[in-house]
N, C-alpha and C. Protein backbone atom coordinates (compact mmCIF):
# COMPACT_ATOMS: atom_id res chain seq x y z
N MET A 1 -104.64 -65.94 64.79
CA MET A 1 -103.53 -66.75 64.43
C MET A 1 -103.08 -66.36 63.03
N ALA A 2 -101.74 -66.24 62.87
CA ALA A 2 -101.18 -65.81 61.60
C ALA A 2 -100.98 -67.01 60.68
N VAL A 3 -101.15 -66.76 59.43
CA VAL A 3 -100.97 -67.80 58.43
C VAL A 3 -99.54 -67.67 57.89
N VAL A 4 -98.74 -68.77 58.00
CA VAL A 4 -97.35 -68.77 57.55
C VAL A 4 -97.29 -69.55 56.25
N PHE A 5 -96.80 -68.87 55.21
CA PHE A 5 -96.76 -69.51 53.91
C PHE A 5 -95.42 -70.21 53.63
N ILE A 6 -94.35 -69.97 54.45
CA ILE A 6 -93.04 -70.59 54.24
C ILE A 6 -92.86 -71.65 55.32
N SER A 7 -92.59 -72.88 54.90
CA SER A 7 -92.44 -73.97 55.85
C SER A 7 -91.07 -73.88 56.53
N PRO A 8 -90.89 -74.53 57.69
CA PRO A 8 -89.58 -74.50 58.37
C PRO A 8 -88.46 -75.10 57.53
N LYS A 9 -88.75 -76.11 56.74
CA LYS A 9 -87.71 -76.70 55.88
C LYS A 9 -87.29 -75.71 54.80
N GLN A 10 -88.27 -74.98 54.28
CA GLN A 10 -87.96 -73.99 53.26
C GLN A 10 -87.10 -72.86 53.85
N ARG A 11 -87.40 -72.44 55.10
CA ARG A 11 -86.60 -71.40 55.75
C ARG A 11 -85.17 -71.89 55.99
N GLN A 12 -85.03 -73.15 56.43
CA GLN A 12 -83.70 -73.72 56.67
C GLN A 12 -82.91 -73.80 55.36
N LYS A 13 -83.55 -74.17 54.29
CA LYS A 13 -82.91 -74.25 52.99
C LYS A 13 -82.46 -72.87 52.52
N MET A 14 -83.31 -71.86 52.71
CA MET A 14 -82.97 -70.49 52.33
C MET A 14 -81.79 -69.98 53.17
N PHE A 15 -81.74 -70.35 54.46
CA PHE A 15 -80.65 -69.91 55.34
C PHE A 15 -79.32 -70.53 54.87
N ILE A 16 -79.32 -71.82 54.56
CA ILE A 16 -78.09 -72.49 54.12
C ILE A 16 -77.64 -71.93 52.78
N ILE A 17 -78.57 -71.68 51.86
CA ILE A 17 -78.22 -71.09 50.57
C ILE A 17 -77.64 -69.70 50.77
N GLY A 18 -78.22 -68.93 51.65
CA GLY A 18 -77.72 -67.57 51.93
C GLY A 18 -76.30 -67.60 52.49
N ILE A 19 -76.02 -68.48 53.44
CA ILE A 19 -74.68 -68.60 54.02
C ILE A 19 -73.69 -69.05 52.95
N THR A 20 -74.06 -70.03 52.12
CA THR A 20 -73.19 -70.53 51.07
C THR A 20 -72.86 -69.44 50.06
N VAL A 21 -73.87 -68.66 49.65
CA VAL A 21 -73.64 -67.57 48.71
C VAL A 21 -72.73 -66.52 49.32
N GLY A 22 -72.93 -66.22 50.60
CA GLY A 22 -72.08 -65.23 51.29
C GLY A 22 -70.63 -65.67 51.36
N VAL A 23 -70.39 -66.92 51.71
CA VAL A 23 -69.01 -67.43 51.79
C VAL A 23 -68.40 -67.49 50.40
N GLY A 24 -69.17 -67.88 49.40
CA GLY A 24 -68.69 -67.91 48.02
C GLY A 24 -68.28 -66.54 47.53
N LEU A 25 -69.11 -65.53 47.81
CA LEU A 25 -68.77 -64.16 47.41
C LEU A 25 -67.51 -63.67 48.12
N PHE A 26 -67.38 -63.99 49.39
CA PHE A 26 -66.19 -63.59 50.15
C PHE A 26 -64.94 -64.22 49.54
N CYS A 27 -65.00 -65.52 49.22
CA CYS A 27 -63.85 -66.21 48.60
C CYS A 27 -63.55 -65.63 47.22
N ALA A 28 -64.59 -65.28 46.46
CA ALA A 28 -64.38 -64.70 45.13
C ALA A 28 -63.69 -63.35 45.23
N VAL A 29 -64.10 -62.51 46.19
CA VAL A 29 -63.47 -61.19 46.37
C VAL A 29 -62.00 -61.36 46.74
N ILE A 30 -61.70 -62.26 47.66
CA ILE A 30 -60.31 -62.51 48.07
C ILE A 30 -59.50 -63.02 46.88
N ALA A 31 -60.07 -63.93 46.09
CA ALA A 31 -59.36 -64.47 44.92
C ALA A 31 -59.07 -63.38 43.90
N VAL A 32 -60.04 -62.47 43.66
CA VAL A 32 -59.82 -61.38 42.71
C VAL A 32 -58.72 -60.45 43.22
N ILE A 33 -58.72 -60.16 44.50
CA ILE A 33 -57.68 -59.28 45.07
C ILE A 33 -56.31 -59.92 44.93
N VAL A 34 -56.20 -61.22 45.22
CA VAL A 34 -54.90 -61.90 45.18
C VAL A 34 -54.43 -62.09 43.75
N LEU A 35 -55.30 -62.54 42.87
CA LEU A 35 -54.90 -62.86 41.51
C LEU A 35 -54.58 -61.63 40.66
N PHE A 36 -55.28 -60.54 40.87
CA PHE A 36 -55.07 -59.37 40.02
C PHE A 36 -54.19 -58.31 40.65
N SER A 37 -53.58 -58.60 41.78
CA SER A 37 -52.68 -57.61 42.39
C SER A 37 -51.33 -57.66 41.69
N GLN A 38 -50.65 -56.53 41.63
CA GLN A 38 -49.34 -56.42 40.99
C GLN A 38 -48.26 -56.82 42.00
N PRO A 39 -47.22 -57.51 41.55
CA PRO A 39 -46.14 -57.85 42.48
C PRO A 39 -45.39 -56.60 42.91
N LYS A 40 -44.89 -56.63 44.14
CA LYS A 40 -44.16 -55.49 44.68
C LYS A 40 -42.74 -55.48 44.12
N GLU A 41 -42.17 -54.33 44.07
CA GLU A 41 -40.79 -54.18 43.64
C GLU A 41 -39.86 -54.74 44.71
N VAL A 42 -38.82 -55.47 44.28
CA VAL A 42 -37.85 -56.06 45.20
C VAL A 42 -36.73 -55.05 45.39
N SER A 43 -36.42 -54.75 46.66
CA SER A 43 -35.34 -53.80 46.92
C SER A 43 -34.00 -54.46 46.60
N SER A 44 -33.03 -53.67 46.25
CA SER A 44 -31.73 -54.21 45.85
C SER A 44 -30.99 -54.86 47.01
N GLY A 45 -31.35 -54.56 48.23
CA GLY A 45 -30.69 -55.15 49.40
C GLY A 45 -31.09 -56.61 49.61
N LEU A 46 -32.21 -57.02 49.06
CA LEU A 46 -32.68 -58.39 49.26
C LEU A 46 -32.29 -59.32 48.12
N VAL A 47 -31.60 -58.85 47.12
CA VAL A 47 -31.21 -59.67 45.99
C VAL A 47 -30.01 -60.52 46.39
N PHE A 48 -30.01 -61.79 45.99
CA PHE A 48 -28.93 -62.71 46.33
C PHE A 48 -27.71 -62.41 45.47
N ASN A 49 -26.60 -62.14 46.12
CA ASN A 49 -25.35 -61.91 45.42
C ASN A 49 -24.51 -63.17 45.54
N LYS A 50 -24.25 -63.80 44.42
CA LYS A 50 -23.47 -65.03 44.40
C LYS A 50 -22.02 -64.71 44.74
N PRO A 51 -21.47 -65.38 45.77
CA PRO A 51 -20.08 -65.08 46.13
C PRO A 51 -19.11 -65.66 45.10
N LYS A 52 -17.97 -65.04 44.99
CA LYS A 52 -16.94 -65.55 44.09
C LYS A 52 -16.14 -66.60 44.85
N VAL A 53 -16.06 -67.79 44.28
CA VAL A 53 -15.36 -68.90 44.93
C VAL A 53 -14.16 -69.27 44.07
N ASN A 54 -13.00 -69.31 44.71
CA ASN A 54 -11.78 -69.73 44.02
C ASN A 54 -11.34 -71.05 44.62
N ILE A 55 -11.17 -72.06 43.78
CA ILE A 55 -10.76 -73.38 44.25
C ILE A 55 -9.27 -73.55 43.95
N ASN A 56 -8.53 -73.92 44.99
CA ASN A 56 -7.10 -74.12 44.86
C ASN A 56 -6.85 -75.59 44.56
N PHE A 57 -6.57 -75.91 43.29
CA PHE A 57 -6.33 -77.29 42.88
C PHE A 57 -4.90 -77.73 43.16
N GLU A 58 -4.05 -76.85 43.60
CA GLU A 58 -2.66 -77.22 43.90
C GLU A 58 -2.58 -78.12 45.13
N ILE A 59 -3.64 -78.16 45.92
CA ILE A 59 -3.66 -79.03 47.11
C ILE A 59 -3.57 -80.50 46.69
N LEU A 60 -4.02 -80.83 45.48
CA LEU A 60 -3.96 -82.21 45.01
C LEU A 60 -2.52 -82.69 44.81
N ASN A 61 -1.60 -81.77 44.66
CA ASN A 61 -0.19 -82.13 44.47
C ASN A 61 0.61 -82.05 45.76
N SER A 62 -0.02 -81.70 46.88
CA SER A 62 0.72 -81.54 48.13
C SER A 62 1.10 -82.90 48.72
N ASP A 63 2.08 -82.88 49.62
CA ASP A 63 2.55 -84.12 50.28
C ASP A 63 1.46 -84.72 51.16
N GLN A 64 0.67 -83.88 51.82
CA GLN A 64 -0.39 -84.40 52.69
C GLN A 64 -1.43 -85.18 51.88
N PHE A 65 -1.74 -84.70 50.70
CA PHE A 65 -2.75 -85.37 49.88
C PHE A 65 -2.20 -86.65 49.26
N THR A 66 -0.99 -86.61 48.78
CA THR A 66 -0.43 -87.80 48.13
C THR A 66 -0.08 -88.90 49.12
N SER A 67 0.08 -88.57 50.40
CA SER A 67 0.40 -89.60 51.40
C SER A 67 -0.84 -90.23 52.03
N LEU A 68 -2.03 -89.85 51.58
CA LEU A 68 -3.25 -90.46 52.12
C LEU A 68 -3.34 -91.92 51.70
N VAL A 69 -3.86 -92.75 52.60
CA VAL A 69 -4.00 -94.19 52.35
C VAL A 69 -5.46 -94.48 52.04
N ALA A 70 -5.70 -95.24 50.99
CA ALA A 70 -7.07 -95.58 50.60
C ALA A 70 -7.70 -96.51 51.64
N PHE A 71 -9.02 -96.46 51.73
CA PHE A 71 -9.73 -97.33 52.65
C PHE A 71 -9.61 -98.78 52.21
N GLU A 72 -9.57 -99.66 53.20
CA GLU A 72 -9.52 -101.10 52.92
C GLU A 72 -10.91 -101.56 52.55
N GLY A 73 -10.99 -102.53 51.66
CA GLY A 73 -12.29 -103.05 51.24
C GLY A 73 -13.03 -103.69 52.41
N MET A 74 -14.35 -103.70 52.33
CA MET A 74 -15.16 -104.27 53.39
C MET A 74 -14.97 -105.78 53.44
N LYS A 75 -14.72 -106.29 54.65
CA LYS A 75 -14.49 -107.73 54.80
C LYS A 75 -15.80 -108.48 54.91
N ILE A 76 -15.80 -109.66 54.31
CA ILE A 76 -16.96 -110.55 54.31
C ILE A 76 -16.57 -111.79 55.10
N GLN A 77 -17.52 -112.37 55.79
CA GLN A 77 -17.23 -113.57 56.57
C GLN A 77 -17.52 -114.80 55.70
N PHE A 78 -16.54 -115.70 55.66
CA PHE A 78 -16.66 -116.94 54.88
C PHE A 78 -16.59 -118.12 55.83
N SER A 79 -17.36 -119.16 55.52
CA SER A 79 -17.25 -120.42 56.27
C SER A 79 -16.40 -121.37 55.43
N TYR A 80 -15.59 -122.16 56.11
CA TYR A 80 -14.70 -123.05 55.37
C TYR A 80 -14.66 -124.43 56.01
N LYS A 81 -14.30 -125.41 55.19
CA LYS A 81 -14.00 -126.76 55.65
C LYS A 81 -12.64 -127.08 55.07
N ALA A 82 -11.72 -127.44 55.95
CA ALA A 82 -10.35 -127.68 55.51
C ALA A 82 -9.73 -128.75 56.40
N THR A 83 -8.57 -129.24 55.97
CA THR A 83 -7.82 -130.21 56.77
C THR A 83 -6.43 -129.65 57.02
N LYS A 84 -5.93 -129.96 58.21
CA LYS A 84 -4.57 -129.58 58.57
C LYS A 84 -3.99 -130.76 59.33
N ASN A 85 -2.90 -131.30 58.82
CA ASN A 85 -2.28 -132.49 59.41
C ASN A 85 -3.29 -133.65 59.48
N ASP A 86 -4.05 -133.84 58.43
CA ASP A 86 -5.06 -134.90 58.30
C ASP A 86 -6.16 -134.82 59.36
N GLU A 87 -6.38 -133.67 59.94
CA GLU A 87 -7.48 -133.45 60.88
C GLU A 87 -8.47 -132.48 60.25
N PRO A 88 -9.74 -132.87 60.19
CA PRO A 88 -10.73 -131.96 59.59
C PRO A 88 -11.00 -130.75 60.50
N ASN A 89 -11.05 -129.60 59.91
CA ASN A 89 -11.34 -128.36 60.63
C ASN A 89 -12.40 -127.59 59.85
N ASP A 90 -13.26 -126.92 60.58
CA ASP A 90 -14.19 -126.01 59.93
C ASP A 90 -14.33 -124.79 60.81
N GLY A 91 -14.67 -123.68 60.17
CA GLY A 91 -14.79 -122.44 60.93
C GLY A 91 -15.12 -121.29 60.02
N TYR A 92 -14.80 -120.09 60.50
CA TYR A 92 -15.11 -118.87 59.78
C TYR A 92 -13.85 -118.03 59.65
N ILE A 93 -13.77 -117.29 58.56
CA ILE A 93 -12.65 -116.39 58.32
C ILE A 93 -13.18 -115.14 57.63
N SER A 94 -12.58 -113.99 57.92
CA SER A 94 -12.99 -112.74 57.30
C SER A 94 -11.96 -112.30 56.29
N ALA A 95 -12.43 -111.95 55.09
CA ALA A 95 -11.56 -111.45 54.02
C ALA A 95 -12.43 -110.65 53.06
N THR A 96 -11.74 -109.91 52.18
CA THR A 96 -12.50 -109.10 51.23
C THR A 96 -13.04 -109.93 50.07
N THR A 97 -12.33 -110.98 49.67
CA THR A 97 -12.80 -111.85 48.59
C THR A 97 -12.62 -113.31 49.00
N GLU A 98 -13.26 -114.19 48.25
CA GLU A 98 -13.15 -115.62 48.52
C GLU A 98 -11.73 -116.11 48.24
N ALA A 99 -11.12 -115.58 47.19
CA ALA A 99 -9.75 -115.98 46.85
C ALA A 99 -8.77 -115.56 47.95
N GLU A 100 -8.99 -114.37 48.50
CA GLU A 100 -8.11 -113.91 49.58
C GLU A 100 -8.28 -114.78 50.82
N ALA A 101 -9.50 -115.18 51.13
CA ALA A 101 -9.75 -116.05 52.29
C ALA A 101 -9.07 -117.39 52.09
N LYS A 102 -9.16 -117.94 50.89
CA LYS A 102 -8.51 -119.23 50.60
C LYS A 102 -7.00 -119.10 50.72
N GLU A 103 -6.45 -117.99 50.24
CA GLU A 103 -5.00 -117.76 50.31
C GLU A 103 -4.53 -117.65 51.76
N ILE A 104 -5.31 -116.97 52.60
CA ILE A 104 -4.94 -116.84 54.02
C ILE A 104 -4.92 -118.21 54.68
N LEU A 105 -5.93 -119.03 54.39
CA LEU A 105 -5.99 -120.37 54.99
C LEU A 105 -4.83 -121.24 54.51
N GLU A 106 -4.52 -121.15 53.23
CA GLU A 106 -3.40 -121.94 52.72
C GLU A 106 -2.08 -121.47 53.30
N ASP A 107 -1.93 -120.18 53.57
CA ASP A 107 -0.72 -119.67 54.23
C ASP A 107 -0.60 -120.19 55.66
N LEU A 108 -1.75 -120.49 56.28
CA LEU A 108 -1.74 -121.04 57.64
C LEU A 108 -1.53 -122.56 57.64
N GLY A 109 -1.44 -123.17 56.46
CA GLY A 109 -1.15 -124.60 56.36
C GLY A 109 -2.38 -125.46 56.21
N TYR A 110 -3.51 -124.91 55.85
CA TYR A 110 -4.74 -125.68 55.67
C TYR A 110 -4.88 -126.11 54.21
N ASN A 111 -5.44 -127.29 54.00
CA ASN A 111 -5.87 -127.74 52.69
C ASN A 111 -7.36 -127.47 52.60
N VAL A 112 -7.76 -126.47 51.86
CA VAL A 112 -9.15 -126.02 51.82
C VAL A 112 -9.93 -126.92 50.86
N SER A 113 -11.01 -127.53 51.39
CA SER A 113 -11.86 -128.36 50.54
C SER A 113 -13.13 -127.62 50.14
N GLU A 114 -13.61 -126.72 50.99
CA GLU A 114 -14.83 -125.98 50.67
C GLU A 114 -14.77 -124.63 51.36
N ILE A 115 -15.13 -123.60 50.62
CA ILE A 115 -15.21 -122.25 51.19
C ILE A 115 -16.37 -121.53 50.52
N LYS A 116 -17.20 -120.89 51.33
CA LYS A 116 -18.35 -120.15 50.79
C LYS A 116 -18.69 -119.02 51.75
N GLU A 117 -19.44 -118.05 51.23
CA GLU A 117 -19.83 -116.91 52.05
C GLU A 117 -20.79 -117.38 53.13
N ALA A 118 -20.53 -116.96 54.36
CA ALA A 118 -21.34 -117.40 55.49
C ALA A 118 -22.70 -116.71 55.48
N GLU A 119 -23.71 -117.45 55.88
CA GLU A 119 -25.05 -116.88 56.02
C GLU A 119 -25.15 -116.28 57.41
N ILE A 120 -25.33 -114.98 57.43
CA ILE A 120 -25.36 -114.26 58.70
C ILE A 120 -26.81 -114.09 59.12
N GLY A 121 -27.07 -114.21 60.40
CA GLY A 121 -28.42 -114.02 60.92
C GLY A 121 -29.06 -115.35 61.25
N ARG A 122 -30.32 -115.26 61.65
CA ARG A 122 -31.07 -116.46 62.02
C ARG A 122 -32.36 -116.51 61.23
N GLN A 123 -32.91 -117.71 61.07
CA GLN A 123 -34.18 -117.85 60.37
C GLN A 123 -35.29 -117.13 61.11
N ASN A 124 -35.34 -117.29 62.43
CA ASN A 124 -36.36 -116.65 63.25
C ASN A 124 -35.67 -115.70 64.21
N PRO A 125 -35.70 -114.40 63.97
CA PRO A 125 -34.98 -113.47 64.84
C PRO A 125 -35.60 -113.36 66.23
N PHE A 126 -36.82 -113.84 66.42
CA PHE A 126 -37.48 -113.74 67.71
C PHE A 126 -37.25 -114.97 68.59
N GLU A 127 -36.54 -115.96 68.06
CA GLU A 127 -36.24 -117.17 68.81
C GLU A 127 -35.25 -116.85 69.93
N SER A 128 -35.42 -117.48 71.06
CA SER A 128 -34.58 -117.22 72.22
C SER A 128 -33.17 -117.76 72.01
N TYR A 129 -32.17 -117.08 72.57
CA TYR A 129 -30.79 -117.53 72.49
C TYR A 129 -30.46 -118.58 73.56
N THR A 130 -31.34 -118.72 74.54
CA THR A 130 -31.06 -119.65 75.63
C THR A 130 -31.10 -121.08 75.12
N ILE A 131 -30.21 -121.88 75.64
CA ILE A 131 -30.14 -123.30 75.27
C ILE A 131 -30.84 -124.08 76.38
N PRO A 132 -31.86 -124.87 76.02
CA PRO A 132 -32.57 -125.62 77.05
C PRO A 132 -31.68 -126.69 77.68
N ALA A 133 -31.95 -126.98 78.93
CA ALA A 133 -31.19 -127.99 79.65
C ALA A 133 -31.53 -129.38 79.10
N GLN A 134 -30.68 -130.35 79.43
CA GLN A 134 -30.87 -131.72 78.94
C GLN A 134 -32.20 -132.29 79.40
N THR A 135 -32.59 -132.01 80.63
CA THR A 135 -33.86 -132.56 81.14
C THR A 135 -35.05 -131.94 80.40
N ASP A 136 -34.95 -130.63 80.07
CA ASP A 136 -36.03 -129.98 79.32
C ASP A 136 -36.15 -130.59 77.93
N LEU A 137 -35.04 -130.87 77.29
CA LEU A 137 -35.07 -131.49 75.96
C LEU A 137 -35.69 -132.88 76.02
N GLN A 138 -35.32 -133.65 77.05
CA GLN A 138 -35.86 -134.99 77.20
C GLN A 138 -37.37 -134.94 77.40
N ALA A 139 -37.85 -134.00 78.22
CA ALA A 139 -39.29 -133.87 78.46
C ALA A 139 -40.00 -133.45 77.18
N LEU A 140 -39.39 -132.58 76.41
CA LEU A 140 -39.98 -132.14 75.16
C LEU A 140 -40.10 -133.30 74.17
N LEU A 141 -39.03 -134.12 74.08
CA LEU A 141 -39.07 -135.27 73.17
C LEU A 141 -40.11 -136.30 73.61
N GLU A 142 -40.20 -136.55 74.90
CA GLU A 142 -41.19 -137.51 75.39
C GLU A 142 -42.60 -136.99 75.13
N GLY A 143 -42.82 -135.71 75.30
CA GLY A 143 -44.13 -135.12 75.03
C GLY A 143 -44.49 -135.24 73.56
N ALA A 144 -43.52 -135.03 72.66
CA ALA A 144 -43.77 -135.14 71.23
C ALA A 144 -44.08 -136.58 70.85
N GLN A 145 -43.38 -137.54 71.50
CA GLN A 145 -43.63 -138.94 71.19
C GLN A 145 -45.02 -139.36 71.62
N THR A 146 -45.45 -138.96 72.82
CA THR A 146 -46.78 -139.33 73.29
C THR A 146 -47.86 -138.67 72.44
N GLU A 147 -47.60 -137.45 71.99
CA GLU A 147 -48.57 -136.75 71.13
C GLU A 147 -48.69 -137.46 69.79
N THR A 148 -47.59 -137.95 69.26
CA THR A 148 -47.59 -138.68 67.98
C THR A 148 -48.35 -139.99 68.13
N ILE A 149 -48.16 -140.66 69.24
CA ILE A 149 -48.85 -141.95 69.48
C ILE A 149 -50.34 -141.70 69.60
N GLN A 150 -50.76 -140.62 70.28
CA GLN A 150 -52.16 -140.34 70.48
C GLN A 150 -52.86 -139.97 69.17
N THR A 151 -52.19 -139.22 68.32
CA THR A 151 -52.81 -138.81 67.06
C THR A 151 -52.71 -139.90 66.00
N GLY A 152 -51.83 -140.86 66.18
CA GLY A 152 -51.69 -141.98 65.26
C GLY A 152 -50.91 -141.63 64.01
N GLU A 153 -50.12 -140.60 64.03
CA GLU A 153 -49.31 -140.22 62.84
C GLU A 153 -47.93 -140.77 62.93
C-alpha cells in the first residue's frame, strides 16, 4: 500500500488555485494586448463629411406662411350654477378660461352665481358604472340597518 502525503482537500485546493491562476494569466494577456495595441489608421472614405445646408428664410414672408391660423387654446370643463328666468340651472360648459365660460353663459341669458373648474374622474376608478335597482338599494339599506342594530352602534 502506498503512502499518500497530500490529502484530498489539499489536492482540490491546489486544483482550484491552478485554474484561477490560469484564468487570471489569460485575462492579463488579453488586457495587455488590448491596452497596448496601437489604433488603426482610419481610411478617408469612412470620415463623416458634414453636408452643406442652406436654409431659405424667405418662406417666412410667403402668403402660405402668413395665412396660417394659430391653434386654439385647450378647453377646460367648468361646472356652473346659474339662473335663467328665475329658474335655477346647473351644468357644465367648456371654455379656455373661467372668464370666457362666464361670458358665454351671460350671452345665453344666464345670471351666473357660481362657476368653477369641474373635477374630472371618479374617486374610485374600479367602481362599477351600473346603477343598482330600487329593490337592490332597499335590500342593502335594510341589511345595513339590521347590522347596525346587531352591533349596537
